[in-house]
N, C-alpha and C. Protein backbone atom coordinates (compact mmCIF):
# COMPACT_ATOMS: atom_id res chain seq x y z
N MET A 1 -337.62 104.70 -42.98
CA MET A 1 -337.18 105.41 -44.11
C MET A 1 -336.42 104.92 -44.70
N ARG A 2 -337.18 105.30 -46.47
CA ARG A 2 -336.01 104.78 -46.82
C ARG A 2 -335.05 105.80 -47.97
N ARG A 3 -333.83 105.21 -47.96
CA ARG A 3 -332.61 106.50 -47.89
C ARG A 3 -332.61 106.48 -49.88
N LYS A 4 -332.52 108.15 -50.29
CA LYS A 4 -332.49 108.07 -51.14
C LYS A 4 -331.27 108.36 -52.35
N VAL A 5 -331.60 107.49 -53.43
CA VAL A 5 -330.57 106.94 -54.82
C VAL A 5 -330.30 107.89 -55.47
N PRO A 6 -328.96 108.69 -55.45
CA PRO A 6 -328.93 108.88 -56.37
C PRO A 6 -329.03 108.38 -57.94
N ARG A 7 -329.10 110.08 -58.72
CA ARG A 7 -329.95 109.18 -60.40
C ARG A 7 -329.01 108.27 -61.01
N TRP A 8 -327.70 109.13 -60.84
CA TRP A 8 -326.56 108.20 -61.60
C TRP A 8 -326.49 106.94 -60.90
N ASP A 9 -326.85 107.06 -59.27
CA ASP A 9 -326.77 105.04 -59.38
C ASP A 9 -328.11 103.88 -59.50
N ARG A 10 -328.91 105.25 -59.89
CA ARG A 10 -330.10 104.15 -59.73
C ARG A 10 -330.17 103.76 -61.52
N GLU A 11 -329.39 104.65 -62.56
CA GLU A 11 -329.00 104.11 -63.69
C GLU A 11 -327.81 103.04 -64.21
N ARG A 12 -326.97 102.66 -62.70
CA ARG A 12 -325.86 102.54 -63.31
C ARG A 12 -326.47 100.64 -63.34
N LYS A 13 -327.39 100.69 -61.91
CA LYS A 13 -328.27 99.53 -61.27
C LYS A 13 -328.25 98.85 -62.58
N HIS A 14 -330.07 99.68 -63.42
CA HIS A 14 -330.07 98.71 -64.47
C HIS A 14 -329.21 98.58 -65.81
N ARG A 15 -328.67 99.17 -65.92
CA ARG A 15 -327.41 98.42 -67.26
C ARG A 15 -326.73 97.04 -66.94
N PRO A 16 -327.24 96.85 -67.94
CA PRO A 16 -325.54 95.89 -67.62
C PRO A 16 -324.00 95.99 -67.00
N PRO A 17 -322.92 95.09 -67.09
CA PRO A 17 -322.28 95.31 -66.74
C PRO A 17 -321.32 95.58 -67.64
N SER A 18 -321.63 95.55 -68.75
CA SER A 18 -320.77 96.37 -70.01
C SER A 18 -320.64 97.33 -69.97
N GLN A 19 -322.16 98.29 -70.05
CA GLN A 19 -322.54 100.09 -70.01
C GLN A 19 -322.11 100.37 -69.25
N THR A 20 -321.63 99.69 -67.51
CA THR A 20 -321.68 101.09 -66.37
C THR A 20 -320.39 101.63 -66.95
N SER A 21 -320.29 102.73 -66.70
CA SER A 21 -319.50 103.86 -67.10
C SER A 21 -318.46 103.60 -66.00
N HIS A 22 -316.90 104.39 -66.82
CA HIS A 22 -315.74 103.80 -65.80
C HIS A 22 -316.11 104.52 -63.88
N TRP A 23 -316.40 104.61 -64.29
CA TRP A 23 -316.25 105.66 -63.01
C TRP A 23 -317.06 105.01 -61.52
N SER A 24 -317.29 103.91 -62.04
CA SER A 24 -318.78 103.39 -61.54
C SER A 24 -317.91 102.87 -60.58
N PHE A 25 -316.41 101.93 -60.41
CA PHE A 25 -315.57 101.37 -59.78
C PHE A 25 -315.74 102.61 -58.56
N SER A 26 -314.73 103.66 -58.55
CA SER A 26 -314.24 104.44 -58.05
C SER A 26 -315.82 105.08 -56.72
N ALA A 27 -316.73 104.92 -57.85
CA ALA A 27 -317.98 105.29 -56.70
C ALA A 27 -318.30 104.39 -55.61
N ARG A 28 -318.30 102.81 -55.83
CA ARG A 28 -318.33 102.28 -54.89
C ARG A 28 -317.00 102.35 -54.05
N VAL A 29 -315.29 102.74 -53.82
CA VAL A 29 -314.22 102.60 -53.00
C VAL A 29 -314.78 104.47 -52.69
N LEU A 30 -315.68 105.07 -52.75
CA LEU A 30 -316.09 106.68 -52.14
C LEU A 30 -316.83 105.98 -51.47
N ARG A 31 -318.27 105.32 -51.26
CA ARG A 31 -319.14 105.43 -50.57
C ARG A 31 -318.73 104.02 -50.06
N GLY A 32 -317.97 103.37 -49.32
CA GLY A 32 -317.00 102.32 -48.29
C GLY A 32 -317.37 100.73 -48.84
N ARG A 33 -317.52 100.78 -49.94
CA ARG A 33 -318.23 99.77 -50.21
C ARG A 33 -317.08 98.85 -50.22
N PRO A 34 -316.56 97.67 -49.65
CA PRO A 34 -314.81 96.84 -50.28
C PRO A 34 -315.10 96.67 -51.92
N ARG A 35 -313.49 97.03 -52.08
CA ARG A 35 -313.59 96.40 -53.74
C ARG A 35 -312.52 95.52 -53.85
N ASP A 36 -313.07 94.70 -55.07
CA ASP A 36 -312.97 93.29 -55.00
C ASP A 36 -311.41 94.41 -55.85
N ALA A 37 -310.21 92.92 -55.72
CA ALA A 37 -308.78 93.45 -56.06
C ALA A 37 -308.90 92.44 -57.59
N PRO A 38 -308.09 93.39 -58.34
CA PRO A 38 -307.76 92.53 -59.49
C PRO A 38 -307.36 91.64 -59.43
N GLN A 39 -307.63 90.22 -60.44
CA GLN A 39 -306.54 88.71 -60.46
C GLN A 39 -305.21 89.16 -60.78
N GLY A 40 -304.58 88.69 -59.53
CA GLY A 40 -303.21 88.89 -60.01
C GLY A 40 -301.93 90.80 -59.58
N CYS A 41 -302.71 91.22 -58.90
CA CYS A 41 -302.37 92.00 -58.45
C CYS A 41 -302.70 92.87 -57.33
N ALA A 42 -302.18 91.56 -55.88
CA ALA A 42 -302.72 91.62 -54.38
C ALA A 42 -301.98 92.95 -54.12
N ALA A 43 -302.29 94.04 -53.24
CA ALA A 43 -301.23 94.40 -52.56
C ALA A 43 -300.37 94.02 -51.54
N PRO A 44 -299.26 94.92 -51.33
CA PRO A 44 -298.70 93.86 -50.31
C PRO A 44 -299.27 94.22 -49.33
N PRO A 45 -299.41 93.36 -48.13
CA PRO A 45 -299.39 93.84 -46.48
C PRO A 45 -299.01 94.63 -46.12
N ARG A 46 -299.87 95.26 -45.62
CA ARG A 46 -299.19 96.77 -44.44
C ARG A 46 -298.06 96.19 -43.42
N PRO A 47 -297.58 96.81 -42.55
CA PRO A 47 -296.56 96.01 -41.49
C PRO A 47 -297.47 97.05 -40.99
N GLN A 48 -297.64 95.39 -39.58
CA GLN A 48 -297.82 95.72 -38.07
C GLN A 48 -297.78 96.39 -37.20
N PRO A 49 -298.48 97.86 -36.60
CA PRO A 49 -298.04 98.26 -35.72
C PRO A 49 -297.35 97.28 -34.05
N VAL A 50 -296.03 98.42 -34.10
CA VAL A 50 -295.15 97.46 -33.26
C VAL A 50 -295.96 98.28 -31.44
N PRO A 51 -296.93 97.54 -30.37
CA PRO A 51 -297.09 97.70 -29.64
C PRO A 51 -296.45 98.44 -28.75
N ALA A 52 -297.17 99.41 -27.95
CA ALA A 52 -296.29 99.33 -26.50
C ALA A 52 -295.56 99.02 -26.20
N SER A 53 -295.07 97.99 -25.76
CA SER A 53 -294.79 97.07 -24.28
C SER A 53 -292.95 96.82 -25.55
N LEU A 54 -293.68 97.08 -26.41
CA LEU A 54 -292.32 96.31 -26.99
C LEU A 54 -291.45 97.81 -27.72
N LEU A 55 -292.21 99.38 -27.41
CA LEU A 55 -291.41 100.40 -27.92
C LEU A 55 -290.53 99.96 -26.48
N SER A 56 -289.03 100.94 -27.30
CA SER A 56 -287.80 101.49 -26.40
C SER A 56 -288.44 102.64 -25.63
N PRO A 57 -287.98 103.60 -24.65
CA PRO A 57 -287.88 104.47 -23.92
C PRO A 57 -287.52 105.04 -24.82
N GLU A 58 -287.53 105.79 -25.78
CA GLU A 58 -286.57 106.16 -26.50
C GLU A 58 -287.14 106.06 -27.84
N ASP A 59 -287.71 105.99 -28.59
CA ASP A 59 -288.56 105.30 -29.57
C ASP A 59 -289.84 105.93 -29.34
N ASP A 60 -290.01 105.66 -27.53
CA ASP A 60 -291.82 105.86 -27.19
C ASP A 60 -291.76 108.16 -27.56
N ASP A 61 -290.41 108.97 -26.85
CA ASP A 61 -290.09 109.20 -26.55
C ASP A 61 -289.78 110.89 -28.03
N ARG A 62 -289.57 109.26 -28.67
CA ARG A 62 -289.37 110.23 -30.30
C ARG A 62 -291.11 109.93 -30.69
N LYS A 63 -291.33 108.98 -30.35
CA LYS A 63 -292.76 108.70 -30.85
C LYS A 63 -294.24 110.42 -31.34
N VAL A 64 -293.83 110.15 -29.21
CA VAL A 64 -294.44 111.72 -29.14
C VAL A 64 -294.28 113.32 -29.31
N ARG A 65 -293.05 113.09 -29.63
CA ARG A 65 -292.51 114.54 -29.35
C ARG A 65 -292.42 114.46 -31.37
N ARG A 66 -292.64 113.43 -31.92
CA ARG A 66 -292.69 113.58 -34.07
C ARG A 66 -294.39 113.99 -33.62
N ARG A 67 -295.21 113.20 -32.67
CA ARG A 67 -296.82 113.13 -32.25
C ARG A 67 -296.91 115.50 -32.31
N GLU A 68 -296.51 115.63 -31.07
CA GLU A 68 -296.07 116.90 -30.46
C GLU A 68 -295.99 118.31 -32.51
N LYS A 69 -294.70 117.77 -32.62
CA LYS A 69 -294.93 118.05 -33.11
C LYS A 69 -295.70 118.51 -34.44
N ASN A 70 -295.65 117.47 -35.17
CA ASN A 70 -297.36 117.64 -36.50
C ASN A 70 -297.86 117.75 -35.56
N ARG A 71 -298.90 118.13 -34.23
CA ARG A 71 -299.91 118.92 -33.71
C ARG A 71 -299.87 120.57 -34.13
N VAL A 72 -298.49 120.66 -33.38
CA VAL A 72 -298.09 122.09 -33.63
C VAL A 72 -298.28 122.50 -35.12
N ALA A 73 -297.69 122.04 -35.90
CA ALA A 73 -297.64 122.40 -37.43
C ALA A 73 -298.93 122.11 -37.93
N ALA A 74 -299.88 121.07 -36.89
CA ALA A 74 -301.39 121.24 -37.70
C ALA A 74 -301.93 122.33 -37.50
N GLN A 75 -301.84 122.64 -36.27
CA GLN A 75 -302.76 124.07 -35.66
C GLN A 75 -302.03 125.04 -36.35
N ARG A 76 -300.33 125.50 -36.92
CA ARG A 76 -299.86 126.68 -37.93
C ARG A 76 -300.76 127.34 -38.96
N SER A 77 -300.88 125.22 -39.74
CA SER A 77 -301.41 125.64 -40.62
C SER A 77 -302.73 125.76 -41.29
N ARG A 78 -303.89 125.31 -40.33
CA ARG A 78 -305.31 125.74 -39.80
C ARG A 78 -305.45 127.26 -39.35
N LYS A 79 -303.76 127.66 -38.64
CA LYS A 79 -304.57 129.20 -38.22
C LYS A 79 -304.18 129.74 -39.62
N LYS A 80 -302.67 129.28 -40.83
CA LYS A 80 -302.59 130.30 -42.01
C LYS A 80 -303.70 130.23 -43.19
N GLN A 81 -304.44 129.34 -42.63
CA GLN A 81 -305.40 129.38 -43.34
C GLN A 81 -306.44 129.89 -43.88
N THR A 82 -306.67 130.04 -41.68
CA THR A 82 -308.18 130.62 -42.11
C THR A 82 -307.54 132.21 -41.92
N GLN A 83 -306.88 132.76 -41.27
CA GLN A 83 -306.36 134.27 -42.12
C GLN A 83 -305.93 134.26 -43.50
N LYS A 84 -305.61 133.23 -43.67
CA LYS A 84 -306.10 133.53 -45.83
C LYS A 84 -307.60 132.78 -45.73
N ALA A 85 -308.42 132.77 -45.24
CA ALA A 85 -310.19 132.87 -45.73
C ALA A 85 -310.21 134.19 -45.16
N ASP A 86 -310.08 134.81 -43.97
CA ASP A 86 -310.28 135.95 -43.32
C ASP A 86 -310.16 136.74 -44.29
N LYS A 87 -308.49 137.37 -44.75
CA LYS A 87 -308.19 137.52 -45.64
C LYS A 87 -309.13 138.07 -47.02
N LEU A 88 -309.05 137.13 -47.57
CA LEU A 88 -310.40 136.58 -48.96
C LEU A 88 -311.27 137.73 -48.31
N HIS A 89 -312.22 136.94 -47.41
CA HIS A 89 -313.28 137.44 -47.19
C HIS A 89 -313.48 139.19 -46.92
N GLU A 90 -312.38 139.69 -46.55
CA GLU A 90 -312.48 141.33 -46.28
C GLU A 90 -312.37 142.31 -47.69
N GLU A 91 -311.32 141.35 -48.50
CA GLU A 91 -311.23 141.53 -50.21
C GLU A 91 -312.08 141.41 -50.71
N TYR A 92 -313.23 140.86 -50.22
CA TYR A 92 -314.55 140.33 -50.86
C TYR A 92 -315.69 141.20 -50.15
N GLU A 93 -315.64 141.41 -49.18
CA GLU A 93 -316.10 142.97 -48.60
C GLU A 93 -316.08 144.22 -49.58
N CYS A 94 -314.98 145.28 -49.23
CA CYS A 94 -314.15 145.36 -50.01
C CYS A 94 -314.37 146.30 -51.71
N LEU A 95 -314.55 144.82 -52.48
CA LEU A 95 -315.26 144.68 -53.72
C LEU A 95 -316.29 144.97 -53.91
N GLU A 96 -317.19 144.15 -52.91
CA GLU A 96 -317.98 144.08 -52.94
C GLU A 96 -318.82 146.06 -52.85
N GLN A 97 -318.05 146.78 -51.74
CA GLN A 97 -318.75 148.55 -51.35
C GLN A 97 -318.61 149.09 -53.33
N GLU A 98 -317.46 148.88 -53.49
CA GLU A 98 -317.34 149.43 -53.85
C GLU A 98 -317.61 149.09 -55.20
N ASN A 99 -318.41 147.77 -55.53
CA ASN A 99 -318.75 147.67 -56.88
C ASN A 99 -320.54 148.56 -56.64
N THR A 100 -321.02 148.81 -55.47
CA THR A 100 -322.46 149.50 -55.29
C THR A 100 -322.16 150.56 -55.54
N VAL A 101 -320.75 150.97 -54.61
CA VAL A 101 -320.44 152.68 -55.37
C VAL A 101 -320.52 153.10 -56.70
N LEU A 102 -319.43 152.27 -57.56
CA LEU A 102 -319.31 152.48 -58.84
C LEU A 102 -321.27 152.24 -59.39
N ARG A 103 -322.06 151.18 -59.19
CA ARG A 103 -323.06 151.13 -59.40
C ARG A 103 -324.06 152.89 -59.40
N ARG A 104 -323.80 152.82 -57.64
CA ARG A 104 -324.87 153.95 -57.89
C ARG A 104 -323.95 155.42 -58.99
N GLU A 105 -322.65 155.44 -59.09
CA GLU A 105 -322.46 156.91 -59.71
C GLU A 105 -322.97 156.33 -61.29
N ILE A 106 -322.71 154.93 -61.76
CA ILE A 106 -323.20 154.84 -63.03
C ILE A 106 -324.97 155.04 -63.21
N GLY A 107 -326.26 154.76 -62.54
CA GLY A 107 -327.55 155.03 -62.45
C GLY A 107 -327.54 156.73 -61.90
N LYS A 108 -326.58 157.63 -61.64
CA LYS A 108 -326.49 158.95 -61.27
C LYS A 108 -326.15 159.76 -63.10
N LEU A 109 -325.21 158.80 -63.61
CA LEU A 109 -325.09 159.83 -64.57
C LEU A 109 -325.29 159.46 -65.67
N THR A 110 -326.30 158.00 -65.90
CA THR A 110 -327.34 158.00 -66.57
C THR A 110 -328.19 159.08 -66.81
N GLU A 111 -328.86 159.18 -65.32
CA GLU A 111 -329.80 160.07 -65.57
C GLU A 111 -329.51 161.82 -65.50
N GLU A 112 -328.37 161.81 -65.74
CA GLU A 112 -327.55 163.13 -65.81
C GLU A 112 -327.45 163.19 -67.33
N LEU A 113 -327.47 162.23 -68.22
CA LEU A 113 -327.36 161.90 -69.21
C LEU A 113 -328.96 162.36 -70.10
N LYS A 114 -329.91 161.74 -69.15
CA LYS A 114 -331.00 161.90 -70.01
C LYS A 114 -331.38 162.96 -70.01
N HIS A 115 -331.46 163.94 -68.58
CA HIS A 115 -331.90 164.30 -68.63
C HIS A 115 -330.80 166.56 -69.69
N LEU A 116 -329.62 165.68 -69.91
CA LEU A 116 -328.64 167.10 -70.70
C LEU A 116 -329.46 166.74 -71.80
N SER A 117 -329.28 164.94 -72.51
CA SER A 117 -330.33 165.06 -73.51
C SER A 117 -332.03 165.62 -73.65
N GLU A 118 -332.82 165.60 -72.97
CA GLU A 118 -333.69 166.39 -73.60
C GLU A 118 -333.97 167.66 -73.29
N ALA A 119 -332.60 168.85 -72.44
CA ALA A 119 -332.49 169.78 -73.07
C ALA A 119 -331.78 170.32 -73.54
N LEU A 120 -331.26 169.14 -74.78
CA LEU A 120 -330.38 169.64 -75.30
C LEU A 120 -331.97 168.79 -76.95
N LYS A 121 -332.51 168.63 -76.73
CA LYS A 121 -334.10 168.06 -77.58
C LYS A 121 -334.53 169.69 -77.88
N GLU A 122 -334.91 170.00 -76.86
CA GLU A 122 -335.56 171.26 -75.94
C GLU A 122 -334.98 172.55 -77.31
N HIS A 123 -333.27 172.47 -77.07
CA HIS A 123 -332.93 173.88 -77.07
C HIS A 123 -332.93 173.81 -78.32
N GLU A 124 -333.21 172.65 -79.24
CA GLU A 124 -332.86 172.55 -80.84
C GLU A 124 -333.95 172.92 -80.94
N LYS A 125 -335.70 172.78 -80.28
CA LYS A 125 -336.73 173.80 -81.73
C LYS A 125 -336.70 174.41 -81.41
N VAL A 126 -335.95 175.28 -80.49
CA VAL A 126 -335.55 177.08 -80.16
C VAL A 126 -334.92 177.42 -80.59
N CYS A 127 -333.72 177.14 -81.48
CA CYS A 127 -332.58 177.73 -80.98
C CYS A 127 -332.69 178.26 -82.66
N PRO A 128 -331.79 179.47 -82.51
CA PRO A 128 -332.05 180.71 -84.04
C PRO A 128 -331.24 180.24 -84.65
N LEU A 129 -330.24 179.85 -84.47
CA LEU A 129 -328.88 179.56 -85.00
C LEU A 129 -329.62 177.74 -86.54
N LEU A 130 -330.24 176.85 -85.76
CA LEU A 130 -330.89 176.41 -86.55
C LEU A 130 -331.58 176.26 -87.12
N LEU A 131 -332.80 177.06 -86.86
CA LEU A 131 -334.24 177.65 -87.44
C LEU A 131 -333.28 178.29 -88.27
N CYS A 132 -332.35 178.69 -88.92
CA CYS A 132 -331.91 180.37 -89.33
C CYS A 132 -331.89 178.87 -90.89
N PRO A 133 -332.60 180.05 -91.92
CA PRO A 133 -332.91 179.39 -93.18
C PRO A 133 -331.40 179.11 -93.84
N MET A 134 -330.46 180.30 -93.53
CA MET A 134 -329.44 179.73 -94.26
C MET A 134 -328.12 178.71 -94.18
N ASN A 135 -328.85 178.16 -92.88
CA ASN A 135 -328.25 176.96 -92.28
C ASN A 135 -328.15 175.18 -93.22
N PHE A 136 -329.53 175.31 -94.03
CA PHE A 136 -329.84 173.78 -94.43
C PHE A 136 -328.29 172.54 -94.24
N VAL A 137 -326.92 173.38 -94.19
CA VAL A 137 -325.97 172.63 -93.31
C VAL A 137 -325.89 172.57 -91.85
N PRO A 138 -326.08 171.25 -91.65
CA PRO A 138 -325.62 171.58 -90.29
C PRO A 138 -324.76 171.21 -89.61
N LEU A 139 -324.55 172.49 -88.71
CA LEU A 139 -322.89 173.35 -88.23
C LEU A 139 -322.19 172.48 -87.46
N PRO A 140 -320.40 171.86 -87.82
CA PRO A 140 -320.20 170.28 -87.03
C PRO A 140 -319.67 171.21 -85.38
N ARG A 141 -320.35 170.17 -84.53
CA ARG A 141 -320.67 170.17 -82.96
C ARG A 141 -319.28 169.79 -83.39
N PRO A 142 -318.46 170.84 -81.88
CA PRO A 142 -317.46 170.20 -81.03
C PRO A 142 -317.38 169.29 -80.51
N ASP A 143 -316.09 168.10 -80.81
CA ASP A 143 -316.13 166.96 -79.86
C ASP A 143 -316.55 167.54 -78.48
N PRO A 144 -316.91 167.05 -77.49
CA PRO A 144 -317.03 167.13 -76.39
C PRO A 144 -315.57 166.59 -75.78
N VAL A 145 -314.99 165.67 -75.56
CA VAL A 145 -313.51 164.86 -75.77
C VAL A 145 -313.28 165.86 -75.72
N ALA A 146 -312.76 165.80 -77.23
CA ALA A 146 -311.94 166.73 -77.94
C ALA A 146 -310.91 167.77 -77.05
N GLY A 147 -312.45 168.92 -76.24
CA GLY A 147 -312.01 169.80 -75.52
C GLY A 147 -311.21 169.06 -74.01
N CYS A 148 -311.32 167.92 -73.02
CA CYS A 148 -310.80 168.01 -72.39
C CYS A 148 -309.63 166.95 -72.59
N LEU A 149 -309.06 166.68 -73.75
CA LEU A 149 -307.96 166.08 -73.91
C LEU A 149 -306.47 167.49 -74.01
N PRO A 150 -305.59 166.70 -74.00
CA PRO A 150 -304.70 167.71 -73.81
C PRO A 150 -303.79 168.06 -75.17
N ARG A 151 -303.26 169.22 -75.03
CA ARG A 151 -303.06 168.68 -76.93
C ARG A 151 -301.34 168.97 -76.70
């Protein structure tokens, strides 16, 4: 079975080296290919681990305590991360529910506005005040919002 090669990788292979992008080197490193060290910039050698047979009992105990302490810290960190994710998920659920309620309310208010507008149009057709020949100047309508505001 052929491995699917990403488009960016295929394009890079067909370009001359002078036209390859700056990230192609890091892409090779990320895929686990050995990288070529630039000339004159050799990394210092890593210190080799000391065999367990050469460690003193105190060093061995210290190493065990350090590993245990690190294990406990890692557990604590993972638990904290899980709790944070759980809290975010709960907050998400609450916001989704609130959003649903608000969308329903918008729908109800839109329908109410539609019905009230239709009722007003029907009323304007038969309103004696609007049909009176003396009232060529439209009557000022009170602002419905102004009636709700404190004076």
